[in-house]
């Protein structure tokens, strides 16, 4: 994602550091807006989601079908 700096408008770049987020190359303003909720999911937690039954293809398909039935 490409963000523009809230302070000076220059395109920001993602910084790979202990504190994830974007850094402005001009004024060095930092933000985490494009990360969503100011939280980062660890690699281990993200990998564990692969085995979560809520995200198995058949369960995902069923949840979409259920939503369509409620809307319809």
PDB file of N, CA and C in Angstrom:
ATOM      1  N   UNK A   1       0.844  -1.166   0.000  1.00  0.00           N
ATOM      2  CA  UNK A   1       0.000   0.000   0.000  1.00  0.00           C
ATOM      3  C   UNK A   1       0.893   1.234   0.000  1.00  0.00           C
ATOM      4  N   UNK A   2       0.489   2.249  -0.696  1.00  0.00           N
ATOM      5  CA  UNK A   2       1.235   3.508  -0.727  1.00  0.00           C
ATOM      6  C   UNK A   2       0.415   4.562  -0.019  1.00  0.00           C
ATOM      7  N   UNK A   3       1.001   5.138   1.016  1.00  0.00           N
ATOM      8  CA  UNK A   3       0.331   6.167   1.801  1.00  0.00           C
ATOM      9  C   UNK A   3       1.020   7.499   1.560  1.00  0.00           C
ATOM     10  N   UNK A   4       0.264   8.570   1.695  1.00  0.00           N
ATOM     11  CA  UNK A   4       0.905   9.883   1.668  1.00  0.00           C
ATOM     12  C   UNK A   4       0.984  10.401   3.090  1.00  0.00           C
ATOM     13  N   UNK A   5       2.042  11.119   3.364  1.00  0.00           N
ATOM     14  CA  UNK A   5       2.310  11.651   4.696  1.00  0.00           C
ATOM     15  C   UNK A   5       1.233  12.657   5.088  1.00  0.00           C
ATOM     16  N   UNK A   6       0.729  12.554   6.304  1.00  0.00           N
ATOM     17  CA  UNK A   6      -0.271  13.494   6.805  1.00  0.00           C
ATOM     18  C   UNK A   6       0.335  14.868   7.071  1.00  0.00           C
ATOM     19  N   UNK A   7       1.643  14.909   7.240  1.00  0.00           N
ATOM     20  CA  UNK A   7       2.302  16.171   7.563  1.00  0.00           C
ATOM     21  C   UNK A   7       2.708  16.958   6.320  1.00  0.00           C
ATOM     22  N   UNK A   8       3.332  16.270   5.327  1.00  0.00           N
ATOM     23  CA  UNK A   8       3.860  17.016   4.186  1.00  0.00           C
ATOM     24  C   UNK A   8       3.371  16.507   2.832  1.00  0.00           C
ATOM     25  N   UNK A   9       2.644  15.374   2.781  1.00  0.00           N
ATOM     26  CA  UNK A   9       2.056  14.891   1.544  1.00  0.00           C
ATOM     27  C   UNK A   9       2.942  14.013   0.678  1.00  0.00           C
ATOM     28  N   UNK A  10       4.192  13.810   1.066  1.00  0.00           N
ATOM     29  CA  UNK A  10       5.116  12.970   0.296  1.00  0.00           C
ATOM     30  C   UNK A  10       4.712  11.504   0.474  1.00  0.00           C
ATOM     31  N   UNK A  11       4.925  10.691  -0.560  1.00  0.00           N
ATOM     32  CA  UNK A  11       4.639   9.262  -0.427  1.00  0.00           C
ATOM     33  C   UNK A  11       5.538   8.638   0.626  1.00  0.00           C
ATOM     34  N   UNK A  12       4.929   7.842   1.492  1.00  0.00           N
ATOM     35  CA  UNK A  12       5.663   7.191   2.568  1.00  0.00           C
ATOM     36  C   UNK A  12       6.061   5.785   2.135  1.00  0.00           C
ATOM     37  N   UNK A  13       7.041   5.227   2.817  1.00  0.00           N
ATOM     38  CA  UNK A  13       7.478   3.861   2.542  1.00  0.00           C
ATOM     39  C   UNK A  13       7.343   3.050   3.817  1.00  0.00           C
ATOM     40  N   UNK A  14       7.090   1.745   3.644  1.00  0.00           N
ATOM     41  CA  UNK A  14       6.982   0.881   4.809  1.00  0.00           C
ATOM     42  C   UNK A  14       8.360   0.644   5.400  1.00  0.00           C
ATOM     43  N   UNK A  15       8.436   0.738   6.711  1.00  0.00           N
ATOM     44  CA  UNK A  15       9.690   0.569   7.421  1.00  0.00           C
ATOM     45  C   UNK A  15       9.737  -0.820   8.039  1.00  0.00           C
ATOM     46  N   UNK A  16      10.819  -1.511   7.806  1.00  0.00           N
ATOM     47  CA  UNK A  16      11.024  -2.798   8.450  1.00  0.00           C
ATOM     48  C   UNK A  16      11.902  -2.561   9.667  1.00  0.00           C
ATOM     49  N   UNK A  17      11.252  -2.471  10.802  1.00  0.00           N
ATOM     50  CA  UNK A  17      11.922  -2.203  12.064  1.00  0.00           C
ATOM     51  C   UNK A  17      11.091  -2.846  13.162  1.00  0.00           C
ATOM     52  N   UNK A  18      11.583  -2.835  14.390  1.00  0.00           N
ATOM     53  CA  UNK A  18      10.776  -3.398  15.481  1.00  0.00           C
ATOM     54  C   UNK A  18       9.394  -2.758  15.578  1.00  0.00           C
ATOM     55  N   UNK A  19       9.299  -1.481  15.204  1.00  0.00           N
ATOM     56  CA  UNK A  19       8.012  -0.769  15.191  1.00  0.00           C
ATOM     57  C   UNK A  19       7.554  -0.687  13.741  1.00  0.00           C
ATOM     58  N   UNK A  20       6.619  -1.566  13.350  1.00  0.00           N
ATOM     59  CA  UNK A  20       6.161  -1.592  11.967  1.00  0.00           C
ATOM     60  C   UNK A  20       5.322  -0.378  11.642  1.00  0.00           C
ATOM     61  N   UNK A  21       5.312  -0.009  10.387  1.00  0.00           N
ATOM     62  CA  UNK A  21       4.516   1.106   9.924  1.00  0.00           C
ATOM     63  C   UNK A  21       5.184   1.762   8.740  1.00  0.00           C
ATOM     64  N   UNK A  22       4.755   2.974   8.437  1.00  0.00           N
ATOM     65  CA  UNK A  22       5.323   3.724   7.320  1.00  0.00           C
ATOM     66  C   UNK A  22       6.110   4.908   7.856  1.00  0.00           C
ATOM     67  N   UNK A  23       7.130   5.322   7.081  1.00  0.00           N
ATOM     68  CA  UNK A  23       7.963   6.462   7.451  1.00  0.00           C
ATOM     69  C   UNK A  23       8.061   7.387   6.253  1.00  0.00           C
ATOM     70  N   UNK A  24       7.902   8.659   6.499  1.00  0.00           N
ATOM     71  CA  UNK A  24       8.044   9.658   5.447  1.00  0.00           C
ATOM     72  C   UNK A  24       9.528   9.910   5.212  1.00  0.00           C
ATOM     73  N   UNK A  25       9.987   9.819   3.967  1.00  0.00           N
ATOM     74  CA  UNK A  25      11.404  10.050   3.697  1.00  0.00           C
ATOM     75  C   UNK A  25      11.809  11.526   3.809  1.00  0.00           C
ATOM     76  N   UNK A  26      10.833  12.441   3.828  1.00  0.00           N
ATOM     77  CA  UNK A  26      11.136  13.867   3.918  1.00  0.00           C
ATOM     78  C   UNK A  26      11.166  14.361   5.361  1.00  0.00           C
ATOM     79  N   UNK A  27      10.052  14.159   6.088  1.00  0.00           N
ATOM     80  CA  UNK A  27       9.953  14.723   7.442  1.00  0.00           C
ATOM     81  C   UNK A  27      10.059  13.659   8.541  1.00  0.00           C
ATOM     82  N   UNK A  28      10.144  12.389   8.142  1.00  0.00           N
ATOM     83  CA  UNK A  28      10.301  11.245   9.063  1.00  0.00           C
ATOM     84  C   UNK A  28       9.095  11.002   9.961  1.00  0.00           C
ATOM     85  N   UNK A  29       7.929  11.525   9.564  1.00  0.00           N
ATOM     86  CA  UNK A  29       6.678  11.228  10.273  1.00  0.00           C
ATOM     87  C   UNK A  29       6.413   9.729  10.148  1.00  0.00           C
ATOM     88  N   UNK A  30       5.950   9.107  11.223  1.00  0.00           N
ATOM     89  CA  UNK A  30       5.642   7.670  11.214  1.00  0.00           C
ATOM     90  C   UNK A  30       4.163   7.469  11.472  1.00  0.00           C
ATOM     91  N   UNK A  31       3.580   6.433  10.844  1.00  0.00           N
ATOM     92  CA  UNK A  31       2.194   6.087  11.153  1.00  0.00           C
ATOM     93  C   UNK A  31       1.964   4.605  10.888  1.00  0.00           C
ATOM     94  N   UNK A  32       0.847   4.131  11.406  1.00  0.00           N
ATOM     95  CA  UNK A  32       0.452   2.731  11.214  1.00  0.00           C
ATOM     96  C   UNK A  32      -0.968   2.657  10.671  1.00  0.00           C
ATOM     97  N   UNK A  33      -1.449   3.743  10.063  1.00  0.00           N
ATOM     98  CA  UNK A  33      -2.833   3.798   9.589  1.00  0.00           C
ATOM     99  C   UNK A  33      -3.159   2.664   8.618  1.00  0.00           C
ATOM    100  N   UNK A  34      -2.257   2.363   7.701  1.00  0.00           N
ATOM    101  CA  UNK A  34      -2.563   1.341   6.700  1.00  0.00           C
ATOM    102  C   UNK A  34      -2.516  -0.072   7.286  1.00  0.00           C
ATOM    103  N   UNK A  35      -2.056  -0.195   8.523  1.00  0.00           N
ATOM    104  CA  UNK A  35      -2.064  -1.506   9.170  1.00  0.00           C
ATOM    105  C   UNK A  35      -3.416  -1.801   9.794  1.00  0.00           C
ATOM    106  N   UNK A  36      -4.289  -0.839   9.825  1.00  0.00           N
ATOM    107  CA  UNK A  36      -5.638  -1.082  10.322  1.00  0.00           C
ATOM    108  C   UNK A  36      -5.866  -0.565  11.711  1.00  0.00           C
ATOM    109  N   UNK A  37      -5.697  -1.399  12.695  1.00  0.00           N
ATOM    110  CA  UNK A  37      -6.104  -1.056  14.052  1.00  0.00           C
ATOM    111  C   UNK A  37      -4.937  -0.800  14.987  1.00  0.00           C
ATOM    112  N   UNK A  38      -3.801  -0.424  14.456  1.00  0.00           N
ATOM    113  CA  UNK A  38      -2.594  -0.222  15.256  1.00  0.00           C
ATOM    114  C   UNK A  38      -2.159  -1.500  15.959  1.00  0.00           C
ATOM    115  N   UNK A  39      -2.519  -2.619  15.398  1.00  0.00           N
ATOM    116  CA  UNK A  39      -2.075  -3.901  15.928  1.00  0.00           C
ATOM    117  C   UNK A  39      -1.442  -4.688  14.794  1.00  0.00           C
ATOM    118  N   UNK A  40      -0.543  -5.550  15.142  1.00  0.00           N
ATOM    119  CA  UNK A  40       0.124  -6.394  14.162  1.00  0.00           C
ATOM    120  C   UNK A  40      -0.059  -7.835  14.611  1.00  0.00           C
ATOM    121  N   UNK A  41      -0.429  -8.701  13.696  1.00  0.00           N
ATOM    122  CA  UNK A  41      -0.584 -10.120  13.995  1.00  0.00           C
ATOM    123  C   UNK A  41       0.783 -10.774  13.825  1.00  0.00           C
ATOM    124  N   UNK A  42       1.198 -11.519  14.821  1.00  0.00           N
ATOM    125  CA  UNK A  42       2.496 -12.190  14.728  1.00  0.00           C
ATOM    126  C   UNK A  42       2.456 -13.271  13.647  1.00  0.00           C
ATOM    127  N   UNK A  43       3.599 -13.636  13.144  1.00  0.00           N
ATOM    128  CA  UNK A  43       3.667 -14.683  12.121  1.00  0.00           C
ATOM    129  C   UNK A  43       3.107 -16.003  12.644  1.00  0.00           C
ATOM    130  N   UNK A  44       3.371 -16.282  13.911  1.00  0.00           N
ATOM    131  CA  UNK A  44       2.891 -17.529  14.507  1.00  0.00           C
ATOM    132  C   UNK A  44       1.364 -17.548  14.572  1.00  0.00           C
ATOM    133  N   UNK A  45       0.774 -16.424  14.980  1.00  0.00           N
ATOM    134  CA  UNK A  45      -0.689 -16.341  15.059  1.00  0.00           C
ATOM    135  C   UNK A  45      -1.320 -16.440  13.682  1.00  0.00           C
ATOM    136  N   UNK A  46      -0.694 -15.803  12.717  1.00  0.00           N
ATOM    137  CA  UNK A  46      -1.212 -15.858  11.357  1.00  0.00           C
ATOM    138  C   UNK A  46      -1.119 -17.276  10.798  1.00  0.00           C
ATOM    139  N   UNK A  47      -0.008 -17.951  11.059  1.00  0.00           N
ATOM    140  CA  UNK A  47       0.152 -19.332  10.595  1.00  0.00           C
ATOM    141  C   UNK A  47      -0.869 -20.256  11.258  1.00  0.00           C
ATOM    142  N   UNK A  48      -1.195 -19.996  12.516  1.00  0.00           N
ATOM    143  CA  UNK A  48      -2.168 -20.834  13.230  1.00  0.00           C
ATOM    144  C   UNK A  48      -3.558 -20.724  12.612  1.00  0.00           C
ATOM    145  N   UNK A  49      -3.867 -19.600  11.973  1.00  0.00           N
ATOM    146  CA  UNK A  49      -5.182 -19.434  11.346  1.00  0.00           C
ATOM    147  C   UNK A  49      -5.400 -20.419  10.201  1.00  0.00           C
ATOM    148  N   UNK A  50      -4.322 -20.925   9.620  1.00  0.00           N
ATOM    149  CA  UNK A  50      -4.450 -21.893   8.526  1.00  0.00           C
ATOM    150  C   UNK A  50      -5.160 -23.158   9.000  1.00  0.00           C
ATOM    151  N   UNK A  51      -5.100 -23.435  10.289  1.00  0.00           N
ATOM    152  CA  UNK A  51      -5.717 -24.642  10.825  1.00  0.00           C
ATOM    153  C   UNK A  51      -7.022 -24.353  11.562  1.00  0.00           C
ATOM    154  N   UNK A  52      -7.453 -23.106  11.556  1.00  0.00           N
ATOM    155  CA  UNK A  52      -8.689 -22.719  12.217  1.00  0.00           C
ATOM    156  C   UNK A  52      -9.866 -23.181  11.358  1.00  0.00           C
ATOM    157  N   UNK A  53     -10.790 -23.961  11.912  1.00  0.00           N
ATOM    158  CA  UNK A  53     -11.903 -24.482  11.113  1.00  0.00           C
ATOM    159  C   UNK A  53     -12.791 -23.393  10.500  1.00  0.00           C
ATOM    160  N   UNK A  54     -12.797 -22.205  11.077  1.00  0.00           N
ATOM    161  CA  UNK A  54     -13.616 -21.129  10.506  1.00  0.00           C
ATOM    162  C   UNK A  54     -13.150 -20.726   9.113  1.00  0.00           C
ATOM    163  N   UNK A  55     -11.889 -20.993   8.807  1.00  0.00           N
ATOM    164  CA  UNK A  55     -11.330 -20.546   7.537  1.00  0.00           C
ATOM    165  C   UNK A  55     -11.127 -21.676   6.538  1.00  0.00           C
ATOM    166  N   UNK A  56     -11.678 -22.836   6.801  1.00  0.00           N
ATOM    167  CA  UNK A  56     -11.618 -23.929   5.840  1.00  0.00           C
ATOM    168  C   UNK A  56     -12.579 -23.618   4.694  1.00  0.00           C
ATOM    169  N   UNK A  57     -12.219 -23.974   3.461  1.00  0.00           N
ATOM    170  CA  UNK A  57     -13.036 -23.589   2.302  1.00  0.00           C
ATOM    171  C   UNK A  57     -14.514 -23.953   2.419  1.00  0.00           C
ATOM    172  N   UNK A  58     -14.815 -25.134   2.897  1.00  0.00           N
ATOM    173  CA  UNK A  58     -16.228 -25.534   2.978  1.00  0.00           C
ATOM    174  C   UNK A  58     -16.990 -24.701   4.004  1.00  0.00           C
ATOM    175  N   UNK A  59     -16.326 -24.302   5.083  1.00  0.00           N
ATOM    176  CA  UNK A  59     -16.988 -23.465   6.087  1.00  0.00           C
ATOM    177  C   UNK A  59     -17.163 -22.037   5.603  1.00  0.00           C
ATOM    178  N   UNK A  60     -16.182 -21.525   4.873  1.00  0.00           N
ATOM    179  CA  UNK A  60     -16.312 -20.185   4.309  1.00  0.00           C
ATOM    180  C   UNK A  60     -17.463 -20.134   3.323  1.00  0.00           C
ATOM    181  N   UNK A  61     -17.540 -21.128   2.455  1.00  0.00           N
ATOM    182  CA  UNK A  61     -18.619 -21.170   1.467  1.00  0.00           C
ATOM    183  C   UNK A  61     -19.974 -21.219   2.162  1.00  0.00           C
ATOM    184  N   UNK A  62     -20.080 -22.012   3.202  1.00  0.00           N
ATOM    185  CA  UNK A  62     -21.335 -22.130   3.941  1.00  0.00           C
ATOM    186  C   UNK A  62     -21.725 -20.810   4.590  1.00  0.00           C
ATOM    187  N   UNK A  63     -20.747 -20.080   5.118  1.00  0.00           N
ATOM    188  CA  UNK A  63     -21.072 -18.804   5.762  1.00  0.00           C
ATOM    189  C   UNK A  63     -21.596 -17.800   4.749  1.00  0.00           C
ATOM    190  N   UNK A  64     -21.065 -17.807   3.515  1.00  0.00           N
ATOM    191  CA  UNK A  64     -21.584 -16.902   2.490  1.00  0.00           C
ATOM    192  C   UNK A  64     -22.994 -17.299   2.075  1.00  0.00           C
ATOM    193  N   UNK A  65     -23.251 -18.591   1.989  1.00  0.00           N
ATOM    194  CA  UNK A  65     -24.588 -19.046   1.638  1.00  0.00           C
ATOM    195  C   UNK A  65     -25.583 -18.672   2.717  1.00  0.00           C
ATOM    196  N   UNK A  66     -25.186 -18.789   3.959  1.00  0.00           N
ATOM    197  CA  UNK A  66     -26.069 -18.432   5.067  1.00  0.00           C
ATOM    198  C   UNK A  66     -26.408 -16.953   5.046  1.00  0.00           C
ATOM    199  N   UNK A  67     -25.437 -16.096   4.740  1.00  0.00           N
ATOM    200  CA  UNK A  67     -25.684 -14.652   4.670  1.00  0.00           C
ATOM    201  C   UNK A  67     -26.657 -14.313   3.539  1.00  0.00           C
ATOM    202  N   UNK A  68     -26.530 -14.992   2.407  1.00  0.00           N
ATOM    203  CA  UNK A  68     -27.436 -14.742   1.290  1.00  0.00           C
ATOM    204  C   UNK A  68     -28.864 -15.141   1.664  1.00  0.00           C
ATOM    205  N   UNK A  69     -29.022 -16.244   2.397  1.00  0.00           N
ATOM    206  CA  UNK A  69     -30.344 -16.676   2.820  1.00  0.00           C
ATOM    207  C   UNK A  69     -30.990 -15.642   3.742  1.00  0.00           C
ATOM    208  N   UNK A  70     -30.194 -15.039   4.633  1.00  0.00           N
ATOM    209  CA  UNK A  70     -30.726 -14.040   5.548  1.00  0.00           C
ATOM    210  C   UNK A  70     -31.103 -12.777   4.815  1.00  0.00           C
ATOM    211  N   UNK A  71     -30.331 -12.401   3.784  1.00  0.00           N
ATOM    212  CA  UNK A  71     -30.615 -11.172   3.028  1.00  0.00           C
ATOM    213  C   UNK A  71     -31.836 -11.344   2.121  1.00  0.00           C
ATOM    214  N   UNK A  72     -32.027 -12.542   1.641  1.00  0.00           N
ATOM    215  CA  UNK A  72     -32.956 -12.766   0.583  1.00  0.00           C
ATOM    216  C   UNK A  72     -34.376 -12.877   0.872  1.00  0.00           C
TER     217      UNK A  72
END
